[in-house]
Protein backbone atom coordinates (compact mmCIF):
# COMPACT_ATOMS: atom_id res chain seq x y z
CA MET A 1 -0.11 0.31 -0.07
CA ALA A 2 1.17 3.40 -0.60
CA GLN A 3 2.37 5.70 2.09
CA ILE A 4 2.35 9.14 3.07
CA ASP A 5 5.53 11.18 1.71
CA PRO A 6 6.30 13.83 4.53
CA ASP A 7 9.01 15.45 2.11
CA SER A 8 6.17 16.09 -0.61
CA PRO A 9 4.67 19.45 -1.35
CA VAL A 10 1.39 17.89 -1.71
CA PRO A 11 -0.79 18.42 1.41
CA LYS A 12 -0.87 14.87 3.59
CA TYR A 13 -4.52 14.80 3.59
CA PHE A 14 -4.64 14.81 -0.32
CA GLN A 15 -1.95 12.03 -0.08
CA LEU A 16 -4.24 10.42 1.84
CA ARG A 17 -7.49 11.02 -0.44
CA GLU A 18 -5.31 9.59 -3.33
CA ILE A 19 -4.47 6.29 -1.51
CA LEU A 20 -8.16 5.63 -0.28
CA LEU A 21 -9.31 6.63 -4.03
CA ASP A 22 -6.83 4.03 -5.21
CA LEU A 23 -8.39 1.43 -2.96
CA ILE A 24 -12.05 2.17 -4.06
CA GLU A 25 -11.29 1.96 -7.60
CA SER A 26 -8.93 -1.20 -7.53
CA ASN A 27 -11.75 -2.71 -5.70
CA GLU A 28 -9.95 -3.38 -2.62
CA LEU A 29 -12.40 -1.36 -1.05
CA PRO A 30 -15.79 -2.43 -2.85
CA ILE A 31 -19.10 -0.62 -3.11
CA GLY A 32 -20.52 -1.08 0.27
CA ALA A 33 -17.40 -1.66 2.24
CA ALA A 34 -16.51 0.01 5.43
CA ILE A 35 -13.17 2.06 5.15
CA PRO A 36 -10.90 1.80 8.51
CA SER A 37 -11.81 4.05 11.19
CA GLU A 38 -10.25 7.41 11.67
CA ARG A 39 -8.11 6.03 14.50
CA GLU A 40 -6.87 2.98 12.38
CA LEU A 41 -6.15 5.59 9.34
CA CYS A 42 -4.15 7.63 11.97
CA GLN A 43 -2.22 4.78 12.98
CA ARG A 44 -1.37 3.26 9.74
CA PHE A 45 -0.43 6.40 8.03
CA GLY A 46 1.27 8.53 11.00
CA LEU A 47 -1.36 11.25 10.59
CA SER A 48 -3.02 13.54 12.72
CA ARG A 49 -6.83 13.19 13.05
CA MET A 50 -7.58 16.31 11.66
CA THR A 51 -5.81 15.51 8.63
CA VAL A 52 -7.47 11.98 8.35
CA ARG A 53 -10.79 13.72 8.76
CA GLN A 54 -10.20 16.23 5.97
CA ALA A 55 -9.45 13.48 3.80
CA VAL A 56 -12.77 11.64 4.09
CA ASP A 57 -14.58 14.79 4.20
CA HIS A 58 -13.59 15.60 0.65
CA LEU A 59 -14.38 12.29 -0.38
CA VAL A 60 -17.95 12.30 1.42
CA SER A 61 -18.39 15.55 -0.23
CA GLU A 62 -17.37 14.23 -3.75
CA GLY A 63 -19.95 11.44 -3.29
CA ARG A 64 -17.24 8.42 -3.13
CA LEU A 65 -17.94 7.95 0.40
CA HIS A 66 -20.99 8.18 2.85
CA ARG A 67 -21.51 8.06 6.59
CA VAL A 68 -23.82 6.07 8.51
CA PRO A 69 -24.30 7.87 11.86
CA GLY A 70 -23.23 5.23 14.63
CA LYS A 71 -21.80 2.69 12.13
CA GLY A 72 -19.05 4.05 10.16
CA THR A 73 -17.97 5.52 6.88
CA PHE A 74 -18.84 3.49 3.72
CA VAL A 75 -17.88 3.29 -0.19
CA ALA A 76 -20.73 4.90 -2.09
CA ARG A 77 -22.15 3.75 -5.21
CA PRO A 78 -20.87 5.51 -8.26
CA LYS A 79 -22.70 8.29 -9.42
CA ILE A 80 -24.81 8.28 -12.40
CA GLU A 81 -23.44 10.49 -15.41
CA LEU A 82 -26.40 12.63 -16.50
CA ALA A 83 -27.32 12.27 -20.12
CA LEU A 84 -26.79 15.44 -21.83
CA GLN A 85 -28.95 14.48 -24.85
CA LEU A 86 -32.74 14.13 -25.59
CA THR A 87 -33.32 10.61 -24.22
CA SER A 88 -35.92 9.41 -21.98
CA PHE A 89 -35.29 8.59 -18.43
CA SER A 90 -36.42 4.99 -19.39
CA ASP A 91 -34.12 4.43 -22.10
CA ASP A 92 -31.15 6.35 -20.19
CA MET A 93 -31.53 3.71 -17.20
CA ARG A 94 -31.77 0.63 -19.48
CA ALA A 95 -28.66 1.54 -21.25
CA ARG A 96 -26.91 1.63 -17.82
CA GLY A 97 -28.23 -1.89 -17.03
CA LEU A 98 -30.84 -0.34 -14.44
CA GLU A 99 -34.34 -0.94 -14.37
CA PRO A 100 -36.44 2.21 -14.64
CA GLY A 101 -39.61 2.73 -12.44
CA SER A 102 -41.96 5.56 -11.91
CA ARG A 103 -44.87 6.32 -9.71
CA ASP A 104 -47.59 9.00 -10.66
CA LEU A 105 -47.75 11.90 -8.12
CA ASP A 106 -50.47 14.00 -10.02
CA ARG A 107 -52.05 13.97 -13.24
CA ARG A 108 -54.36 16.65 -14.25
CA VAL A 109 -55.23 19.16 -17.14
CA VAL A 110 -54.77 22.77 -16.37
CA ARG A 111 -55.57 26.08 -18.20
CA ALA A 112 -52.06 27.51 -19.51
CA SER A 113 -51.28 30.87 -17.48
CA ALA A 114 -49.70 33.49 -19.61
CA HIS A 115 -46.10 32.53 -18.63
CA LEU A 116 -46.82 29.01 -19.69
CA ALA A 117 -48.27 29.71 -22.60
CA ARG A 118 -45.37 31.90 -23.87
CA GLU A 119 -43.00 28.83 -22.94
CA LEU A 120 -45.37 26.44 -24.73
CA GLY A 121 -45.92 28.66 -27.68
CA ILE A 122 -49.81 28.42 -27.25
CA GLN A 123 -52.49 30.73 -26.13
CA PRO A 124 -53.33 31.76 -22.56
CA GLY A 125 -56.33 29.41 -21.19
CA ASP A 126 -55.33 26.56 -23.66
CA ALA A 127 -55.36 23.42 -21.98
CA VAL A 128 -52.43 21.71 -20.55
CA HIS A 129 -51.61 18.20 -19.28
CA PHE A 130 -49.57 18.54 -15.90
CA ILE A 131 -47.67 15.16 -14.99
CA GLU A 132 -45.72 14.60 -12.00
CA ARG A 133 -43.70 11.43 -11.46
CA LEU A 134 -41.34 9.99 -9.13
CA ARG A 135 -38.70 8.19 -11.38
CA THR A 136 -36.54 5.42 -9.96
CA ALA A 137 -33.88 2.95 -10.76
CA ASP A 138 -33.84 -0.39 -9.43
CA GLY A 139 -36.19 0.83 -6.84
CA GLU A 140 -34.10 3.53 -5.70
CA PRO A 141 -35.79 7.15 -6.15
CA LEU A 142 -33.52 9.48 -8.17
CA CYS A 143 -35.77 12.20 -9.44
CA VAL A 144 -38.99 14.00 -9.29
CA GLU A 145 -40.44 15.05 -13.09
CA ARG A 146 -42.78 17.59 -13.91
CA ALA A 147 -43.81 17.83 -17.43
CA HIS A 148 -46.68 20.38 -19.04
CA ILE A 149 -47.64 18.94 -22.42
CA PRO A 150 -50.62 20.83 -24.70
CA VAL A 151 -53.60 18.76 -24.84
CA ALA A 152 -53.60 19.63 -28.56
CA LEU A 153 -50.91 17.66 -29.39
CA ALA A 154 -52.06 14.57 -27.17
CA PRO A 155 -55.70 14.75 -26.37
CA ASP A 156 -56.37 11.55 -24.37
CA LEU A 157 -52.90 11.24 -22.70
CA ASP A 158 -54.26 11.61 -19.19
CA ALA A 159 -56.11 8.30 -19.87
CA TYR A 160 -52.82 6.17 -20.20
CA ASP A 161 -51.13 4.80 -17.16
CA LEU A 162 -47.61 5.86 -17.01
CA SER A 163 -46.48 3.62 -14.21
CA GLY A 164 -43.13 2.02 -15.33
CA ARG A 165 -43.53 3.35 -18.99
CA SER A 166 -41.67 5.95 -21.04
CA LEU A 167 -43.44 9.26 -21.74
CA TYR A 168 -41.51 9.76 -24.73
CA ALA A 169 -42.31 6.25 -26.03
CA LEU A 170 -46.04 6.66 -25.50
CA LEU A 171 -46.01 10.27 -27.19
CA GLU A 172 -44.27 8.64 -30.22
CA SER A 173 -46.22 5.26 -30.46
CA ARG A 174 -49.56 6.87 -29.85
CA TYR A 175 -49.39 10.31 -31.19
CA GLY A 176 -46.58 10.29 -33.72
CA LEU A 177 -44.69 13.06 -31.77
CA VAL A 178 -40.83 12.42 -32.17
CA LEU A 179 -38.73 14.69 -30.16
CA ASP A 180 -36.26 16.20 -32.33
CA ALA A 181 -35.06 19.17 -30.60
CA GLY A 182 -34.17 20.59 -27.35
CA GLU A 183 -33.02 22.74 -24.65
CA LEU A 184 -31.94 22.25 -21.13
CA THR A 185 -30.90 24.58 -18.37
CA ILE A 186 -29.12 23.08 -15.51
CA ASP A 187 -29.18 24.69 -11.74
CA GLY A 188 -28.00 23.50 -8.60
CA GLY A 189 -30.48 23.74 -5.48
CA ILE A 190 -31.79 22.69 -2.30
CA ALA A 191 -34.55 20.32 -2.32
CA ASP A 192 -37.80 21.43 -0.94
CA PRO A 193 -39.28 19.53 2.00
CA SER A 194 -41.81 17.43 -0.18
CA ASP A 195 -39.09 16.61 -2.64
CA ALA A 196 -36.77 15.83 -0.19
CA ASP A 197 -39.16 13.08 1.54
CA LEU A 198 -40.08 11.72 -2.13
CA LEU A 199 -36.20 11.38 -3.03
CA LYS A 200 -35.31 10.18 0.64
CA LEU A 201 -32.99 12.94 0.83
CA PRO A 202 -32.20 14.95 4.32
CA ARG A 203 -34.08 18.18 4.65
CA GLY A 204 -32.03 20.85 2.89
CA GLY A 205 -30.15 18.04 0.61
CA ALA A 206 -28.67 18.92 -2.73
CA VAL A 207 -30.42 18.67 -5.92
CA LEU A 208 -29.88 19.23 -9.53
CA LEU A 209 -32.73 21.22 -11.13
CA LEU A 210 -33.10 20.49 -14.81
CA ALA A 211 -35.65 22.67 -16.88
CA ARG A 212 -36.00 21.21 -20.40
CA ARG A 213 -37.95 22.57 -23.59
CA SER A 214 -38.43 19.63 -26.25
CA TYR A 215 -39.61 20.13 -29.84
CA VAL A 216 -41.06 18.23 -32.55
CA GLY A 217 -40.83 20.13 -35.76
CA GLY A 218 -39.69 23.66 -34.42
CA ALA A 219 -42.95 23.46 -32.13
CA CYS A 220 -42.50 23.20 -28.34
CA ALA A 221 -44.25 19.81 -27.40
CA GLU A 222 -42.94 19.50 -23.69
CA LEU A 223 -41.98 22.03 -20.93
CA GLY A 224 -40.48 20.11 -18.18
CA VAL A 225 -38.89 20.30 -14.98
CA SER A 226 -36.99 17.70 -13.01
CA THR A 227 -35.50 17.74 -9.72
CA TYR A 228 -32.39 15.27 -9.49
CA ARG A 229 -30.47 13.88 -6.47
CA ALA A 230 -27.17 15.71 -6.78
CA ASP A 231 -25.63 12.71 -4.41
CA ARG A 232 -26.29 10.31 -6.99
CA TYR A 233 -25.45 12.30 -10.39
CA GLN A 234 -22.93 14.13 -11.95
CA LEU A 235 -22.45 15.99 -15.10
CA ARG A 236 -19.65 15.07 -17.56
CA THR A 237 -19.12 16.63 -21.28
CA LEU A 238 -16.33 17.35 -23.78
CA LEU A 239 -14.38 20.29 -23.68
CA GLU A 240 -12.97 21.54 -27.32
CA PRO A 241 -10.10 23.93 -27.69
CA ARG A 242 -10.68 27.27 -28.27
CA ARG A 243 -10.62 28.41 -32.05
């Protein structure tokens, strides 16, 4: 096992962080395994408890470890990379080898406010489907989806059960609506109490807020806002050099 180099310009806590990451990524510390206690790490590497705690705190904040009060600190499951493309939650989870699921929270038809009408490109007062669902992967709650879809595009959508079903697949098969473009805005935020309970997050837990507008042939077909657990998701994209 690697050791702490006291003469290195790299801070000792960061050296310990790298050692623990190596153990996790080599599967010497598999998912769900408890890491050595702070006392054991202090003794093994000749570090102060403050230095050990700083290294562990970093890995907890990065989502690589998680603490269970009264039990210890454990290796966390890898975060899911958020798909920055126009794909359904169901298809995305199946591509990762996870079984998607959903639970209806609210289904109703509302009248478009002036703001909603502008966003959807319809007239104020037009009928709009409102769909609110809790989405899961292998039974674990991952996000709360809220979508608005003009009734004119999908007249009897409220008659279909969406439990465990892809909304995008239904729009395509039943109404011929193939989403071919979209816009996505991502913000960080704090879960409100109701969403925190649904997502099994502590009150004040961090979330990713995704505002999505999806188009069919240049017309807006869906306006959605999804609240994702920030402890289970990460963003990854390719960077191109400046030209």
